[in-house]
PDB file of N, CA and C in Angstrom:
ATOM      1  N   MET A   1     -89.535-172.699 -57.923  1.00  0.00           N
ATOM      2  CA  MET A   1     -90.109-171.363 -57.517  1.00  0.00           C
ATOM      3  C   MET A   1     -90.023-170.616 -56.994  1.00  0.00           C
ATOM      4  N   ALA A   2     -89.536-171.385 -56.126  1.00  0.00           N
ATOM      5  CA  ALA A   2     -88.908-170.110 -54.580  1.00  0.00           C
ATOM      6  C   ALA A   2     -88.403-169.243 -55.407  1.00  0.00           C
ATOM      7  N   ARG A   3     -86.591-169.924 -56.376  1.00  0.00           N
ATOM      8  CA  ARG A   3     -85.645-169.342 -56.816  1.00  0.00           C
ATOM      9  C   ARG A   3     -87.390-167.860 -58.023  1.00  0.00           C
ATOM     10  N   ILE A   4     -88.341-168.409 -58.567  1.00  0.00           N
ATOM     11  CA  ILE A   4     -88.840-167.536 -59.216  1.00  0.00           C
ATOM     12  C   ILE A   4     -88.967-166.463 -58.497  1.00  0.00           C
ATOM     13  N   LEU A   5     -90.484-166.738 -57.115  1.00  0.00           N
ATOM     14  CA  LEU A   5     -90.427-165.905 -56.410  1.00  0.00           C
ATOM     15  C   LEU A   5     -90.120-164.682 -55.910  1.00  0.00           C
ATOM     16  N   ILE A   6     -88.843-164.919 -55.788  1.00  0.00           N
ATOM     17  CA  ILE A   6     -87.389-164.380 -54.941  1.00  0.00           C
ATOM     18  C   ILE A   6     -87.034-163.566 -56.410  1.00  0.00           C
ATOM     19  N   LEU A   7     -86.471-163.960 -57.455  1.00  0.00           N
ATOM     20  CA  LEU A   7     -86.419-163.225 -58.867  1.00  0.00           C
ATOM     21  C   LEU A   7     -87.632-162.118 -59.198  1.00  0.00           C
ATOM     22  N   LEU A   8     -88.824-162.551 -58.618  1.00  0.00           N
ATOM     23  CA  LEU A   8     -89.670-161.830 -58.756  1.00  0.00           C
ATOM     24  C   LEU A   8     -89.650-160.431 -58.043  1.00  0.00           C
ATOM     25  N   ALA A   9     -89.539-161.012 -57.021  1.00  0.00           N
ATOM     26  CA  ALA A   9     -89.501-159.824 -55.738  1.00  0.00           C
ATOM     27  C   ALA A   9     -88.319-158.609 -55.803  1.00  0.00           C
ATOM     28  N   VAL A  10     -87.327-159.341 -56.790  1.00  0.00           N
ATOM     29  CA  VAL A  10     -86.088-158.407 -56.610  1.00  0.00           C
ATOM     30  C   VAL A  10     -85.930-157.350 -57.780  1.00  0.00           C
ATOM     31  N   VAL A  11     -86.792-157.815 -58.463  1.00  0.00           N
ATOM     32  CA  VAL A  11     -87.091-156.985 -60.503  1.00  0.00           C
ATOM     33  C   VAL A  11     -88.308-156.133 -59.603  1.00  0.00           C
ATOM     34  N   LEU A  12     -89.702-156.034 -58.481  1.00  0.00           N
ATOM     35  CA  LEU A  12     -90.196-155.538 -58.360  1.00  0.00           C
ATOM     36  C   LEU A  12     -89.653-154.326 -57.257  1.00  0.00           C
ATOM     37  N   CYS A  13     -88.765-155.301 -56.502  1.00  0.00           N
ATOM     38  CA  CYS A  13     -88.634-153.915 -55.254  1.00  0.00           C
ATOM     39  C   CYS A  13     -87.814-153.033 -56.435  1.00  0.00           C
ATOM     40  N   VAL A  14     -86.705-153.367 -57.486  1.00  0.00           N
ATOM     41  CA  VAL A  14     -85.768-152.700 -58.287  1.00  0.00           C
ATOM     42  C   VAL A  14     -86.898-151.295 -59.458  1.00  0.00           C
ATOM     43  N   PHE A  15     -87.895-152.027 -59.157  1.00  0.00           N
ATOM     44  CA  PHE A  15     -88.770-150.870 -60.408  1.00  0.00           C
ATOM     45  C   PHE A  15     -89.380-149.991 -59.113  1.00  0.00           C
ATOM     46  N   TRP A  16     -89.983-150.806 -58.244  1.00  0.00           N
ATOM     47  CA  TRP A  16     -90.010-149.710 -57.301  1.00  0.00           C
ATOM     48  C   TRP A  16     -89.445-148.387 -56.901  1.00  0.00           C
ATOM     49  N   TRP A  17     -88.373-149.296 -56.246  1.00  0.00           N
ATOM     50  CA  TRP A  17     -86.751-148.275 -55.910  1.00  0.00           C
ATOM     51  C   TRP A  17     -86.686-146.941 -57.309  1.00  0.00           C
ATOM     52  N   LEU A  18     -86.678-147.270 -59.154  1.00  0.00           N
ATOM     53  CA  LEU A  18     -86.259-146.480 -59.554  1.00  0.00           C
ATOM     54  C   LEU A  18     -87.672-145.795 -60.673  1.00  0.00           C
ATOM     55  N   ARG A  19     -88.658-146.120 -59.980  1.00  0.00           N
ATOM     56  CA  ARG A  19     -89.515-144.885 -60.228  1.00  0.00           C
ATOM     57  C   ARG A  19     -90.008-143.914 -58.909  1.00  0.00           C
ATOM     58  N   ALA A  20     -89.544-144.376 -57.992  1.00  0.00           N
ATOM     59  CA  ALA A  20     -89.869-143.243 -56.463  1.00  0.00           C
ATOM     60  C   ALA A  20     -88.611-142.238 -57.053  1.00  0.00           C
ATOM     61  N   ARG A  21     -87.234-142.938 -57.774  1.00  0.00           N
ATOM     62  CA  ARG A  21     -86.477-141.266 -58.077  1.00  0.00           C
ATOM     63  C   ARG A  21     -86.631-140.752 -59.036  1.00  0.00           C
ATOM     64  N   ALA A  22     -87.100-141.224 -59.914  1.00  0.00           N
ATOM     65  CA  ALA A  22     -87.415-140.628 -60.642  1.00  0.00           C
ATOM     66  C   ALA A  22     -88.773-139.351 -60.195  1.00  0.00           C
ATOM     67  N   GLU A  23     -89.967-140.199 -59.503  1.00  0.00           N
ATOM     68  CA  GLU A  23     -90.711-139.095 -59.147  1.00  0.00           C
ATOM     69  C   GLU A  23     -90.174-137.818 -58.726  1.00  0.00           C
ATOM     70  N   ALA A  24     -88.840-138.115 -57.577  1.00  0.00           N
ATOM     71  CA  ALA A  24     -88.365-137.251 -56.761  1.00  0.00           C
ATOM     72  C   ALA A  24     -88.063-136.181 -57.503  1.00  0.00           C
ATOM     73  N   ARG A  25     -87.366-136.606 -58.604  1.00  0.00           N
ATOM     74  CA  ARG A  25     -85.868-135.844 -59.580  1.00  0.00           C
ATOM     75  C   ARG A  25     -87.187-134.575 -60.450  1.00  0.00           C
ATOM     76  N   LEU A  26     -88.681-135.887 -60.830  1.00  0.00           N
ATOM     77  CA  LEU A  26     -89.444-134.657 -61.516  1.00  0.00           C
ATOM     78  C   LEU A  26     -89.705-133.281 -60.529  1.00  0.00           C
ATOM     79  N   ALA A  27     -90.185-133.957 -59.392  1.00  0.00           N
ATOM     80  CA  ALA A  27     -90.849-133.125 -58.614  1.00  0.00           C
ATOM     81  C   ALA A  27     -90.153-131.677 -57.803  1.00  0.00           C
ATOM     82  N   LYS A  28     -88.313-132.120 -57.980  1.00  0.00           N
ATOM     83  CA  LYS A  28     -87.712-131.647 -57.337  1.00  0.00           C
ATOM     84  C   LYS A  28     -87.192-130.197 -59.176  1.00  0.00           C
ATOM     85  N   GLN A  29     -87.715-130.783 -59.747  1.00  0.00           N
ATOM     86  CA  GLN A  29     -87.450-129.882 -61.377  1.00  0.00           C
ATOM     87  C   GLN A  29     -88.845-129.172 -61.297  1.00  0.00           C
ATOM     88  N   ARG A  30     -90.001-129.809 -60.617  1.00  0.00           N
ATOM     89  CA  ARG A  30     -91.092-128.311 -61.364  1.00  0.00           C
ATOM     90  C   ARG A  30     -90.864-127.499 -59.506  1.00  0.00           C
ATOM     91  N   ALA A  31     -90.398-128.114 -59.216  1.00  0.00           N
ATOM     92  CA  ALA A  31     -89.540-126.492 -57.891  1.00  0.00           C
ATOM     93  C   ALA A  31     -88.957-125.799 -58.237  1.00  0.00           C
ATOM     94  N   GLN A  32     -88.042-126.586 -58.881  1.00  0.00           N
ATOM     95  CA  GLN A  32     -86.940-125.231 -59.203  1.00  0.00           C
ATOM     96  C   GLN A  32     -87.508-124.125 -61.285  1.00  0.00           C
ATOM     97  N   GLN A  33     -88.495-125.417 -61.573  1.00  0.00           N
ATOM     98  CA  GLN A  33     -89.609-124.328 -62.558  1.00  0.00           C
ATOM     99  C   GLN A  33     -90.115-123.214 -61.855  1.00  0.00           C
ATOM    100  N   GLN A  34     -90.991-123.717 -60.807  1.00  0.00           N
ATOM    101  CA  GLN A  34     -92.118-122.281 -59.966  1.00  0.00           C
ATOM    102  C   GLN A  34     -90.926-121.639 -59.251  1.00  0.00           C
ATOM    103  N   GLN A  35     -89.971-121.803 -58.588  1.00  0.00           N
ATOM    104  CA  GLN A  35     -89.294-120.789 -58.293  1.00  0.00           C
ATOM    105  C   GLN A  35     -88.627-119.832 -59.691  1.00  0.00           C
ATOM    106  N   ALA A  36     -87.620-120.143 -60.535  1.00  0.00           N
ATOM    107  CA  ALA A  36     -87.987-119.352 -61.888  1.00  0.00           C
ATOM    108  C   ALA A  36     -88.601-118.237 -62.152  1.00  0.00           C
ATOM    109  N   ARG A  37     -89.741-119.481 -61.987  1.00  0.00           N
ATOM    110  CA  ARG A  37     -91.272-118.158 -62.702  1.00  0.00           C
ATOM    111  C   ARG A  37     -91.901-117.289 -61.608  1.00  0.00           C
ATOM    112  N   GLU A  38     -91.380-117.338 -60.054  1.00  0.00           N
ATOM    113  CA  GLU A  38     -91.725-116.758 -59.239  1.00  0.00           C
ATOM    114  C   GLU A  38     -90.499-115.236 -59.240  1.00  0.00           C
ATOM    115  N   SER A  39     -89.250-116.239 -59.045  1.00  0.00           N
ATOM    116  CA  SER A  39     -88.265-114.885 -59.429  1.00  0.00           C
ATOM    117  C   SER A  39     -88.367-114.147 -60.747  1.00  0.00           C
ATOM    118  N   ALA A  40     -89.156-114.816 -61.781  1.00  0.00           N
ATOM    119  CA  ALA A  40     -88.932-113.727 -62.604  1.00  0.00           C
ATOM    120  C   ALA A  40     -90.496-112.905 -62.996  1.00  0.00           C
ATOM    121  N   ALA A  41     -91.032-113.383 -62.112  1.00  0.00           N
ATOM    122  CA  ALA A  41     -92.895-112.670 -61.420  1.00  0.00           C
ATOM    123  C   ALA A  41     -92.319-111.607 -60.898  1.00  0.00           C
ATOM    124  N   ARG A  42     -91.323-111.316 -59.692  1.00  0.00           N
ATOM    125  CA  ARG A  42     -90.640-110.342 -58.680  1.00  0.00           C
ATOM    126  C   ARG A  42     -89.601-109.412 -59.361  1.00  0.00           C
ATOM    127  N   ALA A  43     -88.906-109.523 -60.286  1.00  0.00           N
ATOM    128  CA  ALA A  43     -88.808-109.298 -61.436  1.00  0.00           C
ATOM    129  C   ALA A  43     -89.028-108.566 -62.021  1.00  0.00           C
ATOM    130  N   SER A  44     -90.041-109.120 -62.328  1.00  0.00           N
ATOM    131  CA  SER A  44     -91.141-108.083 -63.506  1.00  0.00           C
ATOM    132  C   SER A  44     -91.820-107.069 -63.035  1.00  0.00           C
ATOM    133  N   ALA A  45     -91.960-107.590 -61.883  1.00  0.00           N
ATOM    134  CA  ALA A  45     -93.061-106.155 -60.747  1.00  0.00           C
ATOM    135  C   ALA A  45     -92.132-105.378 -60.191  1.00  0.00           C
ATOM    136  N   ASN A  46     -91.335-105.737 -59.508  1.00  0.00           N
ATOM    137  CA  ASN A  46     -90.300-104.686 -59.197  1.00  0.00           C
ATOM    138  C   ASN A  46     -89.403-104.144 -61.171  1.00  0.00           C
ATOM    139  N   ALA A  47     -89.357-103.917 -61.941  1.00  0.00           N
ATOM    140  CA  ALA A  47     -89.124-103.596 -63.037  1.00  0.00           C
ATOM    141  C   ALA A  47     -90.431-102.564 -63.104  1.00  0.00           C
ATOM    142  N   GLY A  48     -91.684-103.032 -63.458  1.00  0.00           N
ATOM    143  CA  GLY A  48     -92.609-102.133 -63.426  1.00  0.00           C
ATOM    144  C   GLY A  48     -92.720-101.109 -62.634  1.00  0.00           C
ATOM    145  N   GLN A  49     -92.400-100.788 -61.082  1.00  0.00           N
ATOM    146  CA  GLN A  49     -92.420-100.561 -60.071  1.00  0.00           C
ATOM    147  C   GLN A  49     -91.340 -98.914 -60.047  1.00  0.00           C
ATOM    148  N   ALA A  50     -90.710 -99.999 -60.627  1.00  0.00           N
ATOM    149  CA  ALA A  50     -89.498 -98.443 -60.942  1.00  0.00           C
ATOM    150  C   ALA A  50     -90.029 -97.940 -62.774  1.00  0.00           C
ATOM    151  N   GLU A  51     -90.462 -98.277 -63.685  1.00  0.00           N
ATOM    152  CA  GLU A  51     -91.108 -97.432 -64.702  1.00  0.00           C
ATOM    153  C   GLU A  51     -92.066 -96.809 -64.016  1.00  0.00           C
ATOM    154  N   SER A  52     -92.690 -96.941 -63.455  1.00  0.00           N
ATOM    155  CA  SER A  52     -93.888 -96.510 -63.110  1.00  0.00           C
ATOM    156  C   SER A  52     -93.656 -95.126 -61.920  1.00  0.00           C
ATOM    157  N   ALA A  53     -92.458 -94.993 -61.401  1.00  0.00           N
ATOM    158  CA  ALA A  53     -92.367 -93.903 -60.469  1.00  0.00           C
ATOM    159  C   ALA A  53     -92.157 -92.531 -60.991  1.00  0.00           C
ATOM    160  N   GLU A  54     -93.137 -91.234 -59.707  1.00  0.00           N
ATOM    161  CA  GLU A  54     -93.281 -90.872 -60.521  1.00  0.00           C
ATOM    162  C   GLU A  54     -92.186 -89.718 -59.616  1.00  0.00           C
ATOM    163  N   PRO A  55     -91.294 -89.102 -59.857  1.00  0.00           N
ATOM    164  CA  PRO A  55     -90.869 -87.743 -58.670  1.00  0.00           C
ATOM    165  C   PRO A  55     -91.637 -86.810 -58.342  1.00  0.00           C
ATOM    166  N   MET A  56     -91.652 -86.467 -56.581  1.00  0.00           N
ATOM    167  CA  MET A  56     -91.716 -85.953 -55.934  1.00  0.00           C
ATOM    168  C   MET A  56     -91.686 -84.646 -55.723  1.00  0.00           C
ATOM    169  N   VAL A  57     -92.805 -83.925 -55.519  1.00  0.00           N
ATOM    170  CA  VAL A  57     -92.431 -82.365 -55.700  1.00  0.00           C
ATOM    171  C   VAL A  57     -92.654 -81.791 -54.218  1.00  0.00           C
ATOM    172  N   GLN A  58     -92.659 -81.140 -53.407  1.00  0.00           N
ATOM    173  CA  GLN A  58     -92.643 -80.352 -52.426  1.00  0.00           C
ATOM    174  C   GLN A  58     -93.882 -78.787 -52.685  1.00  0.00           C
ATOM    175  N   CYS A  59     -95.110 -79.046 -51.726  1.00  0.00           N
ATOM    176  CA  CYS A  59     -95.770 -77.891 -51.843  1.00  0.00           C
ATOM    177  C   CYS A  59     -94.849 -76.751 -51.265  1.00  0.00           C
ATOM    178  N   ALA A  60     -94.883 -75.325 -52.253  1.00  0.00           N
ATOM    179  CA  ALA A  60     -94.761 -74.062 -51.969  1.00  0.00           C
ATOM    180  C   ALA A  60     -94.982 -73.324 -50.736  1.00  0.00           C
ATOM    181  N   GLN A  61     -96.072 -73.745 -50.227  1.00  0.00           N
ATOM    182  CA  GLN A  61     -96.705 -73.110 -49.164  1.00  0.00           C
ATOM    183  C   GLN A  61     -96.318 -74.079 -47.910  1.00  0.00           C
ATOM    184  N   CYS A  62     -96.717 -75.167 -48.171  1.00  0.00           N
ATOM    185  CA  CYS A  62     -96.768 -76.014 -46.663  1.00  0.00           C
ATOM    186  C   CYS A  62     -95.672 -76.794 -46.371  1.00  0.00           C
ATOM    187  N   GLY A  63     -94.659 -76.984 -47.785  1.00  0.00           N
ATOM    188  CA  GLY A  63     -93.828 -77.945 -47.660  1.00  0.00           C
ATOM    189  C   GLY A  63     -93.877 -79.785 -47.526  1.00  0.00           C
ATOM    190  N   VAL A  64     -95.238 -80.194 -48.120  1.00  0.00           N
ATOM    191  CA  VAL A  64     -96.019 -81.602 -48.193  1.00  0.00           C
ATOM    192  C   VAL A  64     -95.050 -81.839 -49.683  1.00  0.00           C
ATOM    193  N   HIS A  65     -94.625 -83.619 -49.795  1.00  0.00           N
ATOM    194  CA  HIS A  65     -94.166 -83.643 -50.876  1.00  0.00           C
ATOM    195  C   HIS A  65     -95.154 -84.662 -51.432  1.00  0.00           C
ATOM    196  N   LEU A  66     -95.633 -84.851 -52.709  1.00  0.00           N
ATOM    197  CA  LEU A  66     -96.357 -85.471 -52.771  1.00  0.00           C
ATOM    198  C   LEU A  66     -95.352 -85.483 -54.564  1.00  0.00           C
ATOM    199  N   PRO A  67     -96.235 -86.685 -55.008  1.00  0.00           N
ATOM    200  CA  PRO A  67     -96.232 -86.310 -56.396  1.00  0.00           C
ATOM    201  C   PRO A  67     -96.130 -85.660 -58.025  1.00  0.00           C
ATOM    202  N   GLN A  68     -95.584 -85.412 -58.883  1.00  0.00           N
ATOM    203  CA  GLN A  68     -95.197 -84.416 -59.427  1.00  0.00           C
ATOM    204  C   GLN A  68     -97.088 -84.236 -60.495  1.00  0.00           C
ATOM    205  N   GLY A  69     -97.533 -85.942 -60.753  1.00  0.00           N
ATOM    206  CA  GLY A  69     -98.859 -85.793 -61.265  1.00  0.00           C
ATOM    207  C   GLY A  69     -99.690 -85.277 -60.374  1.00  0.00           C
ATOM    208  N   GLU A  70    -100.008 -85.501 -58.741  1.00  0.00           N
ATOM    209  CA  GLU A  70    -100.949 -85.124 -57.955  1.00  0.00           C
ATOM    210  C   GLU A  70    -101.118 -83.599 -58.013  1.00  0.00           C
ATOM    211  N   ALA A  71     -99.668 -82.622 -58.455  1.00  0.00           N
ATOM    212  CA  ALA A  71     -99.562 -81.659 -57.417  1.00  0.00           C
ATOM    213  C   ALA A  71    -100.212 -80.653 -59.004  1.00  0.00           C
ATOM    214  N   ILE A  72    -100.319 -79.373 -58.136  1.00  0.00           N
ATOM    215  CA  ILE A  72    -101.149 -78.322 -58.927  1.00  0.00           C
ATOM    216  C   ILE A  72    -100.075 -77.177 -59.263  1.00  0.00           C
ATOM    217  N   ALA A  73     -99.300 -77.303 -60.334  1.00  0.00           N
ATOM    218  CA  ALA A  73     -98.478 -76.239 -60.896  1.00  0.00           C
ATOM    219  C   ALA A  73     -98.601 -74.493 -61.404  1.00  0.00           C
ATOM    220  N   TRP A  74     -97.751 -73.946 -61.351  1.00  0.00           N
ATOM    221  CA  TRP A  74     -98.465 -72.934 -61.227  1.00  0.00           C
ATOM    222  C   TRP A  74     -96.823 -71.702 -60.872  1.00  0.00           C
ATOM    223  N   ARG A  75     -96.964 -71.350 -62.153  1.00  0.00           N
ATOM    224  CA  ARG A  75     -95.709 -69.857 -62.488  1.00  0.00           C
ATOM    225  C   ARG A  75     -94.877 -70.262 -61.757  1.00  0.00           C
ATOM    226  N   GLY A  76     -94.286 -71.860 -61.933  1.00  0.00           N
ATOM    227  CA  GLY A  76     -93.582 -72.714 -61.422  1.00  0.00           C
ATOM    228  C   GLY A  76     -92.726 -73.245 -60.175  1.00  0.00           C
ATOM    229  N   LEU A  77     -94.034 -73.218 -59.495  1.00  0.00           N
ATOM    230  CA  LEU A  77     -94.294 -73.317 -58.609  1.00  0.00           C
ATOM    231  C   LEU A  77     -95.343 -74.567 -57.820  1.00  0.00           C
ATOM    232  N   HIS A  78     -95.054 -75.973 -57.232  1.00  0.00           N
ATOM    233  CA  HIS A  78     -95.804 -76.971 -57.591  1.00  0.00           C
ATOM    234  C   HIS A  78     -96.648 -76.548 -55.330  1.00  0.00           C
ATOM    235  N   TYR A  79     -97.860 -76.664 -55.377  1.00  0.00           N
ATOM    236  CA  TYR A  79     -98.918 -76.859 -55.196  1.00  0.00           C
ATOM    237  C   TYR A  79     -99.523 -77.953 -54.324  1.00  0.00           C
ATOM    238  N   CYS A  80    -100.159 -78.247 -52.737  1.00  0.00           N
ATOM    239  CA  CYS A  80    -100.642 -79.756 -53.351  1.00  0.00           C
ATOM    240  C   CYS A  80    -102.210 -80.114 -52.975  1.00  0.00           C
ATOM    241  N   ARG A  81    -102.925 -78.223 -53.105  1.00  0.00           N
ATOM    242  CA  ARG A  81    -104.298 -78.033 -53.173  1.00  0.00           C
ATOM    243  C   ARG A  81    -104.417 -76.777 -53.858  1.00  0.00           C
ATOM    244  N   ARG A  82    -105.335 -76.528 -53.939  1.00  0.00           N
ATOM    245  CA  ARG A  82    -105.797 -74.997 -54.779  1.00  0.00           C
ATOM    246  C   ARG A  82    -105.696 -73.903 -53.790  1.00  0.00           C
ATOM    247  N   SER A  83    -106.405 -74.217 -52.345  1.00  0.00           N
ATOM    248  CA  SER A  83    -106.190 -73.363 -51.317  1.00  0.00           C
ATOM    249  C   SER A  83    -104.917 -72.926 -50.634  1.00  0.00           C
ATOM    250  N   HIS A  84    -103.829 -73.518 -51.522  1.00  0.00           N
ATOM    251  CA  HIS A  84    -102.575 -72.810 -51.038  1.00  0.00           C
ATOM    252  C   HIS A  84    -102.259 -72.289 -52.171  1.00  0.00           C
ATOM    253  N   LEU A  85    -102.854 -72.118 -53.029  1.00  0.00           N
ATOM    254  CA  LEU A  85    -102.539 -71.129 -54.138  1.00  0.00           C
ATOM    255  C   LEU A  85    -102.246 -69.510 -53.685  1.00  0.00           C
ATOM    256  N   PRO A  86    -101.123 -69.090 -53.966  1.00  0.00           N
ATOM    257  CA  PRO A  86    -101.213 -67.517 -53.285  1.00  0.00           C
ATOM    258  C   PRO A  86    -102.471 -66.851 -54.099  1.00  0.00           C
ATOM    259  N   ASP A  87    -103.265 -65.589 -53.454  1.00  0.00           N
ATOM    260  CA  ASP A  87    -103.830 -64.615 -54.201  1.00  0.00           C
ATOM    261  C   ASP A  87    -103.395 -64.090 -55.362  1.00  0.00           C
ATOM    262  N   GLU A  88    -103.880 -64.005 -56.596  1.00  0.00           N
ATOM    263  CA  GLU A  88    -103.584 -63.858 -57.325  1.00  0.00           C
ATOM    264  C   GLU A  88    -104.003 -62.058 -57.584  1.00  0.00           C
ATOM    265  N   ALA A  89    -105.205 -61.240 -56.349  1.00  0.00           N
ATOM    266  CA  ALA A  89    -105.165 -60.141 -56.288  1.00  0.00           C
ATOM    267  C   ALA A  89    -103.855 -59.140 -55.954  1.00  0.00           C
ATOM    268  N   SER A  90    -103.401 -59.922 -54.980  1.00  0.00           N
ATOM    269  CA  SER A  90    -102.436 -59.563 -53.780  1.00  0.00           C
ATOM    270  C   SER A  90    -101.251 -59.302 -55.224  1.00  0.00           C
ATOM    271  N   HIS A  91    -100.972 -60.265 -55.756  1.00  0.00           N
ATOM    272  CA  HIS A  91    -100.036 -59.661 -56.966  1.00  0.00           C
ATOM    273  C   HIS A  91     -99.898 -59.140 -58.091  1.00  0.00           C
ATOM    274  N   THR A  92    -100.878 -59.062 -58.292  1.00  0.00           N
ATOM    275  CA  THR A  92    -101.535 -58.259 -59.577  1.00  0.00           C
ATOM    276  C   THR A  92    -101.730 -56.997 -59.370  1.00  0.00           C
ATOM    277  N   ASP A  93    -102.586 -56.188 -58.793  1.00  0.00           N
ATOM    278  CA  ASP A  93    -102.687 -54.645 -58.313  1.00  0.00           C
ATOM    279  C   ASP A  93    -101.402 -54.234 -56.922  1.00  0.00           C
ATOM    280  N   GLY A  94    -100.738 -55.255 -56.436  1.00  0.00           N
ATOM    281  CA  GLY A  94     -99.259 -54.400 -55.693  1.00  0.00           C
ATOM    282  C   GLY A  94     -99.723 -54.375 -54.158  1.00  0.00           C
ATOM    283  N   GLY A  95    -101.406 -55.383 -54.164  1.00  0.00           N
ATOM    284  CA  GLY A  95    -101.491 -55.255 -52.798  1.00  0.00           C
ATOM    285  C   GLY A  95    -102.948 -54.820 -52.251  1.00  0.00           C
ATOM    286  N   GLY A  96    -103.271 -53.614 -53.201  1.00  0.00           N
ATOM    287  CA  GLY A  96    -103.786 -51.982 -52.791  1.00  0.00           C
ATOM    288  C   GLY A  96    -105.557 -53.024 -52.596  1.00  0.00           C
ATOM    289  N   ALA A  97    -106.516 -52.443 -52.411  1.00  0.00           N
ATOM    290  CA  ALA A  97    -108.400 -52.830 -51.968  1.00  0.00           C
ATOM    291  C   ALA A  97    -108.328 -52.680 -53.700  1.00  0.00           C
ATOM    292  N   ARG A  98    -109.517 -54.217 -53.381  1.00  0.00           N
ATOM    293  CA  ARG A  98    -110.211 -53.350 -54.827  1.00  0.00           C
ATOM    294  C   ARG A  98    -111.182 -52.695 -54.711  1.00  0.00           C
ATOM    295  N   PRO A  99    -112.332 -52.643 -55.616  1.00  0.00           N
ATOM    296  CA  PRO A  99    -113.649 -51.664 -54.952  1.00  0.00           C
ATOM    297  C   PRO A  99    -114.801 -52.239 -54.650  1.00  0.00           C
TER     298      PRO A  99
END
């Protein structure tokens, strides 16, 4: 009877050891899969940022750099705000006084 109990204890210990080993292996695989998903998400986020990058231009009046989409383009130059646009009246009539 004692031999049967010892054999049963050995079988249970082997079963417990195999189960713990399998759980550790599964946990390691899950961690690797999670790491791969995170690195893929980072890579796609970086690719999205590179695609959405916009060229920078400099304001002809004050020299501030801003994205080209936000700049006001006028006569081949870029400006950061409407108040920086040159006075059109001084360019068209030679700078003379208007009545």
